[in-house]
Amino acid sequence: MIRYPFLLPAFSSLIMLWCISYWVPINLNAPSIYFGVDNFHGIQPRAIIGSFIYLLPLEKNNVNFIGNLIRLVSTFAWLFFIHLQLGRSIFSTKLKHIELNKAILYLALGFIFAASSTSYLSFSSSGIIDAFPSSIIALVVTSEYLIGSKNQWPFKVFIISGLLVLATWAHEKTLYDIAILFVWFSYRWGLKRSSLYFLPGLFLSLALIVRMAHKVTSGETPAGYLAILSSGVEFFWIHAFSISGAAIGGGALWGIYWLASSKLIRTTKSSWDYWTAVFSIFLMLVICFLPLLVALDTSRLCALIWLPALLVLKEINPTELFSSTTRKWVLLALCILQALIPPMLVYQKGIAPFNCYGLWLGQFLPPRSEVDIRSLGLFVLSTHTRPDYTDFFINQCPKK
C-alpha cells in the first residue's frame, strides 16, 4: 500500500516542471515591477509578493532572484495541487500497486496542465505573477471536503474567505476564479452552501478592490478597468479577443473541458440535473472570456480554463472517460497538441515568444507595429518586439 499519498504528485510535478525548464528557459534575475511594491507603505494592488520580499533582509541585487523563486515555488504548488486531485480521481485510496494504464492516464493529464500557459508565464522573463493566486485557488479546490462537511463551518468560512482575499490581493483577476468556484460549487453542493463559503470572500475581495480603486502597480487602476468596461464589446472584439490567442492560452485544456463536460452531462440522472449541469458548464466557459472585456492579455487570461477543466475532471471518473481505444488516441492527440503549442504571451493580437520555437514561428507573422489591429481579424496574429522577453534566450537559438 502507498503510505505517502503526497509523494507521487510532488514527484511528478517536480519532474515535469524540471523538463519544461529546458523548453522555456528560466531567468531568475528577470525584473518585475511587482517585486518592488509592498503594502507596508499603503495598500497596493498586486503587492503581496513584494510584501514578502520587503520582510526579508535582502540586498537590492537579490530581490529579483527571490521574487522569481517565489514565482517558481508558486507554480510548483499550483501543479502539485492539480496532480493531487488527478491522483485522487484516478487511483484508489487503498492502493497496493499502480496499474500501468492509470499511471499513463495520470501522467498524460498531468502533462497537459504542466505544459500550459500558467507554467510558461512563470518560467519566462515576463515578470507575471499569476501562479501565486492560482496556487491559492488550487488549494481551495483541493480543500473541497471543507465545503462538503457541515462541521465547524464558521472556521472553514473564515479560512476560505482569507485565502480568497489573499489571492485577490495578489491579483484582482482572481475575482473571475472566485466566480467560477461559486458557480461550480452551487451546482455541486447547492446555492445555499456555496453562498455560505464563497460570498463572504467575494464581498471582502470586492471591498479590498474598492479600497484600492485609484491605485495602480501595473496596467490600469481598478477604476480604470471599470472605465474600459463601458466600451466592453468593442474592446473585446477589436483589441482583446482572438481565436488564435485563446487557443494558445488554453491549449489542450479546451479539449479536456469539452470531453469531461460531455461525460458529466451524459451521466445526469434527471432533467433538472441535466439542465443545471449544462448551465453551470456554459457559465464557467463564459467567465473564462469575461476578463477580455477589460484586459488585453488574451492567452494569459484564457488560461483560466485550467480551473473549470480541473473541477469537471475531478467530478467524473477520468479512467472511464478515457477507457475506450478511441479516447486513448484522443488523449494522445491532445498531449501532442499541447506540446506543439508555442510558449508565448498573446496580447493586442500580437505574440511575445518565450523560447526559440515561438521566436521562429514569429518570423512568419507581420510585425505588430506595421499592421492595423482591425485588419487582423479573429485568427491572424502579429509579432511584438519584446527584447525584455527574448534577450535572455536569443543567443541559444539556432542561427539562420
Protein backbone atom coordinates (compact mmCIF):
# COMPACT_ATOMS: atom_id res chain seq x y z
CA MET A 1 0.00 0.00 0.00
CA ILE A 2 1.22 3.53 -0.80
CA ARG A 3 1.82 5.20 2.57
CA TYR A 4 2.74 8.63 1.26
CA PRO A 5 -0.17 9.97 -0.87
CA PHE A 6 1.58 13.32 -1.38
CA LEU A 7 4.80 11.85 -2.69
CA LEU A 8 3.54 10.92 -6.17
CA PRO A 9 2.05 14.36 -7.08
CA ALA A 10 5.08 16.12 -5.59
CA PHE A 11 7.50 13.99 -7.60
CA SER A 12 5.52 14.17 -10.87
CA SER A 13 5.07 17.93 -10.56
CA LEU A 14 8.75 18.50 -9.88
CA ILE A 15 9.92 16.28 -12.75
CA MET A 16 7.52 17.84 -15.26
CA LEU A 17 8.46 21.40 -14.33
CA TRP A 18 12.14 20.47 -14.47
CA CYS A 19 11.64 19.13 -18.01
CA ILE A 20 9.68 22.24 -19.04
CA SER A 21 12.56 24.43 -17.84
CA TYR A 22 14.56 23.07 -20.79
CA TRP A 23 11.76 24.19 -23.12
CA VAL A 24 11.18 27.63 -21.59
CA PRO A 25 14.43 28.94 -20.08
CA ILE A 26 14.12 30.25 -16.53
CA ASN A 27 15.55 33.70 -15.85
CA LEU A 28 15.87 34.03 -12.09
CA ASN A 29 17.19 37.56 -12.47
CA ALA A 30 14.30 38.84 -14.57
CA PRO A 31 12.96 42.11 -13.14
CA SER A 32 9.32 42.61 -12.26
CA ILE A 33 7.53 45.71 -11.08
CA TYR A 34 5.65 43.52 -8.59
CA PHE A 35 8.82 42.74 -6.64
CA GLY A 36 9.33 46.37 -5.65
CA VAL A 37 5.90 47.29 -4.25
CA ASP A 38 4.60 46.40 -0.82
CA ASN A 39 1.67 47.01 1.49
CA PHE A 40 3.69 48.45 4.35
CA HIS A 41 3.67 51.90 2.75
CA GLY A 42 -0.03 51.86 1.92
CA ILE A 43 -2.34 49.25 0.47
CA GLN A 44 -1.36 48.47 -3.12
CA PRO A 45 -2.81 46.06 -5.70
CA ARG A 46 -0.64 43.07 -6.70
CA ALA A 47 1.80 43.77 -3.87
CA ILE A 48 1.68 40.50 -1.90
CA ILE A 49 4.92 39.05 -3.31
CA GLY A 50 6.62 42.42 -2.89
CA SER A 51 5.44 42.49 0.74
CA PHE A 52 7.03 39.09 1.38
CA ILE A 53 10.26 40.32 -0.15
CA TYR A 54 10.11 43.51 1.92
CA LEU A 55 10.12 41.46 5.13
CA LEU A 56 13.34 39.69 4.13
CA PRO A 57 16.73 41.26 4.88
CA LEU A 58 17.82 41.25 1.23
CA GLU A 59 20.36 43.22 -0.69
CA LYS A 60 18.94 45.04 -3.69
CA ASN A 61 20.64 42.74 -6.20
CA ASN A 62 18.93 39.70 -4.65
CA VAL A 63 15.35 41.00 -4.90
CA ASN A 64 14.73 39.72 -8.42
CA PHE A 65 16.16 36.30 -7.57
CA ILE A 66 13.88 35.84 -4.57
CA GLY A 67 10.86 37.21 -6.43
CA ASN A 68 11.33 34.80 -9.33
CA LEU A 69 11.95 31.97 -6.89
CA ILE A 70 8.56 32.72 -5.30
CA ARG A 71 7.00 32.56 -8.78
CA LEU A 72 8.55 29.13 -9.38
CA VAL A 73 7.56 27.76 -5.97
CA SER A 74 4.02 29.04 -6.58
CA THR A 75 3.96 27.24 -9.93
CA PHE A 76 5.08 24.04 -8.25
CA ALA A 77 2.38 24.41 -5.57
CA TRP A 78 -0.26 25.06 -8.24
CA LEU A 79 0.72 21.98 -10.22
CA PHE A 80 1.11 19.87 -7.08
CA PHE A 81 -2.48 20.54 -6.02
CA ILE A 82 -3.69 19.73 -9.53
CA HIS A 83 -1.74 16.46 -9.65
CA LEU A 84 -3.03 15.63 -6.17
CA GLN A 85 -6.60 15.98 -7.41
CA LEU A 86 -5.87 13.94 -10.53
CA GLY A 87 -4.34 11.21 -8.38
CA ARG A 88 -7.38 11.10 -6.11
CA SER A 89 -9.68 10.80 -9.13
CA ILE A 90 -7.67 8.16 -10.98
CA PHE A 91 -6.17 5.97 -8.26
CA SER A 92 -7.89 4.13 -5.45
CA THR A 93 -7.38 5.48 -1.95
CA LYS A 94 -6.34 1.99 -0.82
CA LEU A 95 -3.74 1.23 -3.41
CA LYS A 96 -1.26 -1.65 -3.25
CA HIS A 97 0.22 -1.04 -6.69
CA ILE A 98 -0.20 1.39 -9.57
CA GLU A 99 -1.75 -0.01 -12.74
CA LEU A 100 0.12 0.92 -15.91
CA ASN A 101 -2.90 2.31 -17.80
CA LYS A 102 -3.89 4.51 -14.86
CA ALA A 103 -0.31 5.71 -14.45
CA ILE A 104 -0.16 6.70 -18.14
CA LEU A 105 -3.50 8.49 -17.83
CA TYR A 106 -2.29 10.35 -14.74
CA LEU A 107 0.93 11.42 -16.46
CA ALA A 108 -0.85 12.44 -19.67
CA LEU A 109 -3.40 14.65 -17.92
CA GLY A 110 -0.72 15.98 -15.60
CA PHE A 111 1.45 16.91 -18.58
CA ILE A 112 -1.36 18.86 -20.25
CA PHE A 113 -1.74 21.01 -17.12
CA ALA A 114 2.02 21.28 -16.59
CA ALA A 115 2.81 22.37 -20.17
CA SER A 116 0.21 25.14 -20.13
CA SER A 117 0.33 28.92 -20.08
CA THR A 118 0.46 29.20 -16.28
CA SER A 119 3.81 27.39 -16.19
CA TYR A 120 5.18 29.16 -19.24
CA LEU A 121 4.33 32.59 -17.84
CA SER A 122 6.15 31.82 -14.59
CA PHE A 123 9.24 30.46 -16.34
CA SER A 124 9.53 33.37 -18.76
CA SER A 125 11.10 36.78 -18.23
CA SER A 126 7.66 38.42 -18.25
CA GLY A 127 7.54 39.02 -14.50
CA ILE A 128 3.87 37.93 -14.47
CA ILE A 129 2.79 36.63 -11.05
CA ASP A 130 -0.38 34.69 -11.91
CA ALA A 131 0.96 31.44 -10.46
CA PHE A 132 0.76 32.77 -6.90
CA PRO A 133 -3.00 33.44 -6.81
CA SER A 134 -3.60 30.36 -8.97
CA SER A 135 -1.84 28.19 -6.38
CA ILE A 136 -4.15 29.56 -3.69
CA ILE A 137 -7.22 28.81 -5.81
CA ALA A 138 -5.91 25.28 -6.46
CA LEU A 139 -5.52 24.87 -2.68
CA VAL A 140 -9.16 25.88 -2.19
CA VAL A 141 -10.22 23.31 -4.80
CA THR A 142 -8.15 20.66 -3.03
CA SER A 143 -9.93 21.53 0.22
CA GLU A 144 -13.36 20.75 -1.22
CA TYR A 145 -14.03 18.40 1.68
CA LEU A 146 -14.27 21.51 3.88
CA ILE A 147 -17.36 22.54 1.95
CA GLY A 148 -18.80 19.06 1.88
CA SER A 149 -18.81 18.83 5.67
CA LYS A 150 -21.12 20.95 7.81
CA ASN A 151 -19.00 20.67 10.96
CA GLN A 152 -17.21 23.79 12.25
CA TRP A 153 -18.44 25.82 9.30
CA PRO A 154 -17.60 29.29 10.78
CA PHE A 155 -13.91 28.40 11.00
CA LYS A 156 -13.94 26.96 7.48
CA VAL A 157 -15.67 30.04 6.06
CA PHE A 158 -13.01 32.17 7.75
CA ILE A 159 -10.15 30.13 6.25
CA ILE A 160 -11.59 30.01 2.73
CA SER A 161 -12.50 33.72 2.78
CA GLY A 162 -8.99 34.57 3.95
CA LEU A 163 -7.43 32.55 1.13
CA LEU A 164 -9.68 34.18 -1.48
CA VAL A 165 -8.90 37.69 -0.24
CA LEU A 166 -5.17 36.91 -0.24
CA ALA A 167 -5.39 35.65 -3.83
CA THR A 168 -7.33 38.76 -4.89
CA TRP A 169 -4.80 40.98 -3.16
CA ALA A 170 -2.09 39.22 -5.17
CA HIS A 171 -4.01 39.90 -8.39
CA GLU A 172 -7.51 41.28 -8.85
CA LYS A 173 -8.28 38.95 -11.75
CA THR A 174 -8.84 36.32 -9.04
CA LEU A 175 -12.42 37.61 -8.93
CA TYR A 176 -13.08 35.51 -12.03
CA ASP A 177 -11.67 32.42 -10.29
CA ILE A 178 -13.98 33.06 -7.34
CA ALA A 179 -16.92 33.41 -9.71
CA ILE A 180 -16.09 30.03 -11.28
CA LEU A 181 -15.78 28.41 -7.85
CA PHE A 182 -19.14 29.87 -6.81
CA VAL A 183 -20.86 28.59 -9.96
CA TRP A 184 -19.34 25.13 -9.69
CA PHE A 185 -20.00 24.58 -6.00
CA SER A 186 -23.53 25.92 -6.40
CA TYR A 187 -24.03 23.06 -8.83
CA ARG A 188 -22.05 20.60 -6.70
CA TRP A 189 -23.33 21.40 -3.21
CA GLY A 190 -26.29 23.74 -3.72
CA LEU A 191 -26.65 27.51 -3.85
CA LYS A 192 -27.05 27.95 -0.09
CA ARG A 193 -23.83 26.20 0.91
CA SER A 194 -21.87 27.72 -1.95
CA SER A 195 -23.04 31.19 -0.93
CA LEU A 196 -22.04 30.49 2.67
CA TYR A 197 -18.48 29.59 1.74
CA PHE A 198 -17.73 31.88 -1.20
CA LEU A 199 -19.83 35.03 -0.98
CA PRO A 200 -18.04 36.35 2.15
CA GLY A 201 -14.70 36.02 0.36
CA LEU A 202 -16.15 37.61 -2.77
CA PHE A 203 -17.60 40.59 -0.89
CA LEU A 204 -14.38 41.10 1.08
CA SER A 205 -12.36 40.91 -2.13
CA LEU A 206 -14.63 43.49 -3.78
CA ALA A 207 -14.27 45.73 -0.73
CA LEU A 208 -10.49 45.43 -0.99
CA ILE A 209 -10.58 46.39 -4.67
CA VAL A 210 -12.78 49.39 -3.89
CA ARG A 211 -10.23 50.40 -1.25
CA MET A 212 -7.51 50.27 -3.95
CA ALA A 213 -9.73 51.68 -6.72
CA HIS A 214 -7.40 54.52 -7.71
CA LYS A 215 -4.06 52.84 -7.04
CA VAL A 216 -2.01 51.09 -9.69
CA THR A 217 1.03 48.82 -9.73
CA SER A 218 0.91 47.82 -13.38
CA GLY A 219 -1.66 48.18 -16.14
CA GLU A 220 -4.69 50.17 -15.04
CA THR A 221 -6.22 51.06 -11.70
CA PRO A 222 -9.33 49.05 -10.73
CA ALA A 223 -11.33 52.18 -11.57
CA GLY A 224 -9.55 52.32 -14.92
CA TYR A 225 -10.55 48.76 -15.74
CA LEU A 226 -14.13 49.62 -14.85
CA ALA A 227 -13.97 52.55 -17.28
CA ILE A 228 -12.77 50.21 -20.05
CA LEU A 229 -15.83 48.07 -19.38
CA SER A 230 -18.03 50.87 -20.75
CA SER A 231 -16.68 50.05 -24.22
CA GLY A 232 -16.65 46.34 -23.45
CA VAL A 233 -17.95 44.78 -26.68
CA GLU A 234 -15.82 46.94 -28.98
CA PHE A 235 -12.75 46.49 -26.77
CA PHE A 236 -13.34 42.74 -26.65
CA TRP A 237 -13.69 42.12 -30.39
CA ILE A 238 -11.17 44.63 -31.73
CA HIS A 239 -8.36 44.69 -29.16
CA ALA A 240 -8.55 41.70 -26.82
CA PHE A 241 -10.13 38.58 -28.27
CA SER A 242 -8.71 36.34 -30.95
CA ILE A 243 -9.42 32.68 -31.55
CA SER A 244 -5.72 32.00 -32.07
CA GLY A 245 -4.84 33.73 -28.80
CA ALA A 246 -7.49 31.82 -26.88
CA ALA A 247 -6.27 28.54 -28.41
CA ILE A 248 -2.69 29.28 -27.38
CA GLY A 249 -3.76 30.31 -23.87
CA GLY A 250 -5.96 27.31 -23.11
CA GLY A 251 -4.32 24.75 -25.36
CA ALA A 252 -5.48 21.16 -24.99
CA LEU A 253 -7.35 22.10 -21.80
CA TRP A 254 -10.21 23.30 -24.02
CA GLY A 255 -10.48 19.72 -25.31
CA ILE A 256 -10.25 18.26 -21.80
CA TYR A 257 -13.03 20.58 -20.65
CA TRP A 258 -15.24 19.58 -23.58
CA LEU A 259 -14.72 15.84 -23.07
CA ALA A 260 -15.16 15.95 -19.29
CA SER A 261 -18.22 18.21 -19.54
CA SER A 262 -19.85 15.92 -22.11
CA LYS A 263 -19.25 12.97 -19.80
CA LEU A 264 -20.75 14.83 -16.83
CA ILE A 265 -23.86 15.83 -18.78
CA ARG A 266 -24.41 12.29 -20.06
CA THR A 267 -24.32 10.88 -16.54
CA THR A 268 -27.01 13.17 -15.11
CA LYS A 269 -29.98 11.28 -13.71
CA SER A 270 -32.82 13.77 -14.10
CA SER A 271 -33.93 16.64 -16.30
CA TRP A 272 -33.13 19.10 -13.50
CA ASP A 273 -29.59 17.75 -13.10
CA TYR A 274 -29.13 17.83 -16.86
CA TRP A 275 -30.03 21.49 -17.30
CA THR A 276 -28.21 22.68 -14.17
CA ALA A 277 -25.09 20.88 -15.42
CA VAL A 278 -25.42 22.42 -18.87
CA PHE A 279 -25.99 25.88 -17.40
CA SER A 280 -23.07 25.62 -14.97
CA ILE A 281 -20.68 24.34 -17.64
CA PHE A 282 -21.71 27.07 -20.06
CA LEU A 283 -21.48 29.80 -17.41
CA MET A 284 -17.97 28.76 -16.34
CA LEU A 285 -16.93 28.84 -20.00
CA VAL A 286 -18.32 32.35 -20.40
CA ILE A 287 -16.47 33.53 -17.27
CA CYS A 288 -13.18 32.41 -18.86
CA PHE A 289 -13.68 35.07 -21.55
CA LEU A 290 -15.07 37.87 -19.35
CA PRO A 291 -11.60 39.23 -18.39
CA LEU A 292 -11.12 40.17 -22.06
CA LEU A 293 -13.79 42.85 -21.63
CA VAL A 294 -11.25 44.91 -19.67
CA ALA A 295 -7.76 43.50 -20.37
CA LEU A 296 -5.60 42.73 -23.40
CA ASP A 297 -3.59 39.63 -22.40
CA THR A 298 -5.58 37.11 -24.45
CA SER A 299 -3.55 33.94 -23.86
CA ARG A 300 -2.85 34.70 -20.22
CA LEU A 301 -6.48 35.37 -19.34
CA CYS A 302 -7.91 32.48 -21.36
CA ALA A 303 -5.52 30.22 -19.46
CA LEU A 304 -8.17 30.45 -16.74
CA ILE A 305 -9.76 27.40 -18.39
CA TRP A 306 -7.48 25.27 -16.19
CA LEU A 307 -9.86 25.81 -13.27
CA PRO A 308 -13.19 24.65 -14.78
CA ALA A 309 -11.34 21.84 -16.58
CA LEU A 310 -9.96 20.59 -13.27
CA LEU A 311 -13.29 20.98 -11.44
CA VAL A 312 -15.24 18.98 -14.00
CA LEU A 313 -12.48 16.41 -14.50
CA LYS A 314 -12.31 15.60 -10.78
CA GLU A 315 -16.10 15.21 -10.64
CA ILE A 316 -16.17 12.40 -13.17
CA ASN A 317 -14.08 9.24 -13.39
CA PRO A 318 -11.19 10.06 -15.77
CA THR A 319 -10.43 6.35 -16.13
CA GLU A 320 -13.89 5.74 -17.58
CA LEU A 321 -13.67 8.86 -19.74
CA PHE A 322 -10.54 7.56 -21.48
CA SER A 323 -11.31 3.84 -21.28
CA SER A 324 -12.01 3.24 -24.98
CA THR A 325 -9.30 2.90 -27.60
CA THR A 326 -10.63 5.92 -29.48
CA ARG A 327 -10.49 8.11 -26.38
CA LYS A 328 -6.93 6.95 -25.67
CA TRP A 329 -5.94 8.15 -29.14
CA VAL A 330 -7.77 11.42 -28.49
CA LEU A 331 -5.81 11.89 -25.26
CA LEU A 332 -2.55 11.19 -27.11
CA ALA A 333 -3.53 13.76 -29.74
CA LEU A 334 -4.26 16.32 -27.02
CA CYS A 335 -0.85 15.71 -25.44
CA ILE A 336 0.87 16.18 -28.81
CA LEU A 337 -1.19 19.31 -29.44
CA GLN A 338 -0.19 20.74 -26.07
CA ALA A 339 3.47 20.03 -26.80
CA LEU A 340 3.20 21.83 -30.16
CA ILE A 341 1.56 24.98 -28.79
CA PRO A 342 4.28 27.65 -28.64
CA PRO A 343 5.06 29.21 -25.25
CA MET A 344 4.20 32.89 -25.70
CA LEU A 345 2.11 35.75 -24.45
CA VAL A 346 -0.60 36.88 -26.86
CA TYR A 347 -1.88 40.41 -26.31
CA GLN A 348 -3.39 43.02 -28.63
CA LYS A 349 -3.48 40.30 -31.28
CA GLY A 350 0.29 40.00 -31.26
CA ILE A 351 2.72 37.44 -29.84
CA ALA A 352 5.66 37.81 -27.47
CA PRO A 353 7.58 34.48 -27.52
CA PHE A 354 9.18 32.82 -24.51
CA ASN A 355 11.54 30.44 -26.33
CA CYS A 356 13.29 29.83 -29.66
CA TYR A 357 10.34 27.86 -31.04
CA GLY A 358 7.98 30.79 -30.51
CA LEU A 359 10.57 33.18 -31.89
CA TRP A 360 10.91 31.04 -35.03
CA LEU A 361 7.14 30.97 -35.56
CA GLY A 362 7.02 34.72 -35.13
CA GLN A 363 9.07 35.28 -38.27
CA PHE A 364 6.09 34.14 -40.34
CA LEU A 365 3.84 36.85 -38.84
CA PRO A 366 3.75 40.56 -39.69
CA PRO A 367 5.28 42.99 -37.18
CA ARG A 368 2.63 44.44 -34.88
CA SER A 369 3.89 47.99 -35.49
CA GLU A 370 3.21 47.69 -39.24
CA VAL A 371 -0.38 46.44 -39.22
CA ASP A 372 -3.72 47.88 -38.21
CA ILE A 373 -5.23 45.79 -35.43
CA ARG A 374 -8.63 45.96 -37.10
CA SER A 375 -7.24 44.21 -40.17
CA LEU A 376 -6.07 41.14 -38.24
CA GLY A 377 -9.50 39.65 -37.57
CA LEU A 378 -10.05 36.77 -35.17
CA PHE A 379 -7.43 34.32 -36.44
CA VAL A 380 -4.39 36.23 -37.72
CA LEU A 381 -1.75 37.38 -35.22
CA SER A 382 1.21 39.72 -35.47
CA THR A 383 4.59 39.85 -33.73
CA HIS A 384 5.54 42.21 -30.90
CA THR A 385 9.16 43.24 -30.50
CA ARG A 386 9.95 42.43 -26.86
CA PRO A 387 13.70 42.30 -26.21
CA ASP A 388 12.92 42.18 -22.47
CA TYR A 389 11.47 38.71 -23.13
CA THR A 390 13.79 37.42 -25.84
CA ASP A 391 17.27 38.76 -24.97
CA PHE A 392 17.70 36.12 -22.25
CA PHE A 393 17.44 33.14 -24.63
CA ILE A 394 18.01 34.50 -28.15
CA ASN A 395 21.69 33.54 -28.16
CA GLN A 396 20.66 29.90 -27.61
CA CYS A 397 18.56 29.84 -30.77
CA PRO A 398 19.89 28.30 -34.00
CA LYS A 399 21.32 30.88 -36.39
CA LYS A 400 19.58 31.45 -39.71
